[in-house]
Amino acid sequence: QVQLVESGGGLVQAGGSLRLSCAASGRTFSNYGMGWFRQAPGKEREFVAAIAWSGGSTYYLDSVKGRFTISRDNANNAVYLQMNGLKPEDTAVYYCARCARQYDRTRWDARSYAYWGQGTQVTVSS
């Protein structure tokens, strides 16, 4: 069974930075693409960023391009989301997710992800 555990959320002022981490269990972590999604109160869950199984390609929500960076450390079964220039509209619960298929291309749709973490709260004050 795959487990994903997020950490690093918190309260930050607008313009500040946070780094989210996601620790994954399992021996085949490096075979799967990973993604970050978020859900704000009263809104649907939305894609934020994704990284290929190899780390060779990344994909971002337009509104976070240039501010957020996704990365992974396959040796330590971890994926990260560095968030700079945070805005109040970035406030949400952030979820880490693992793709359903090995060696798949980078995915932005939630249906392509089979495992999800419990989420970590990010709150950006104005």
Foldseek 3Di string as FASTA:
>chain_A
DKAKAKDWADEEAAQAKIKMKIAMDDDPLLQWKKFKWWDDPPGDIFGAKIAGSPSPDMDGDVVQPPFWDWGADNVRRMIMIIGGRDDQVVWTWMKMFIAPDTRDPIDGDPVRTDDIHPTDTHGYHD
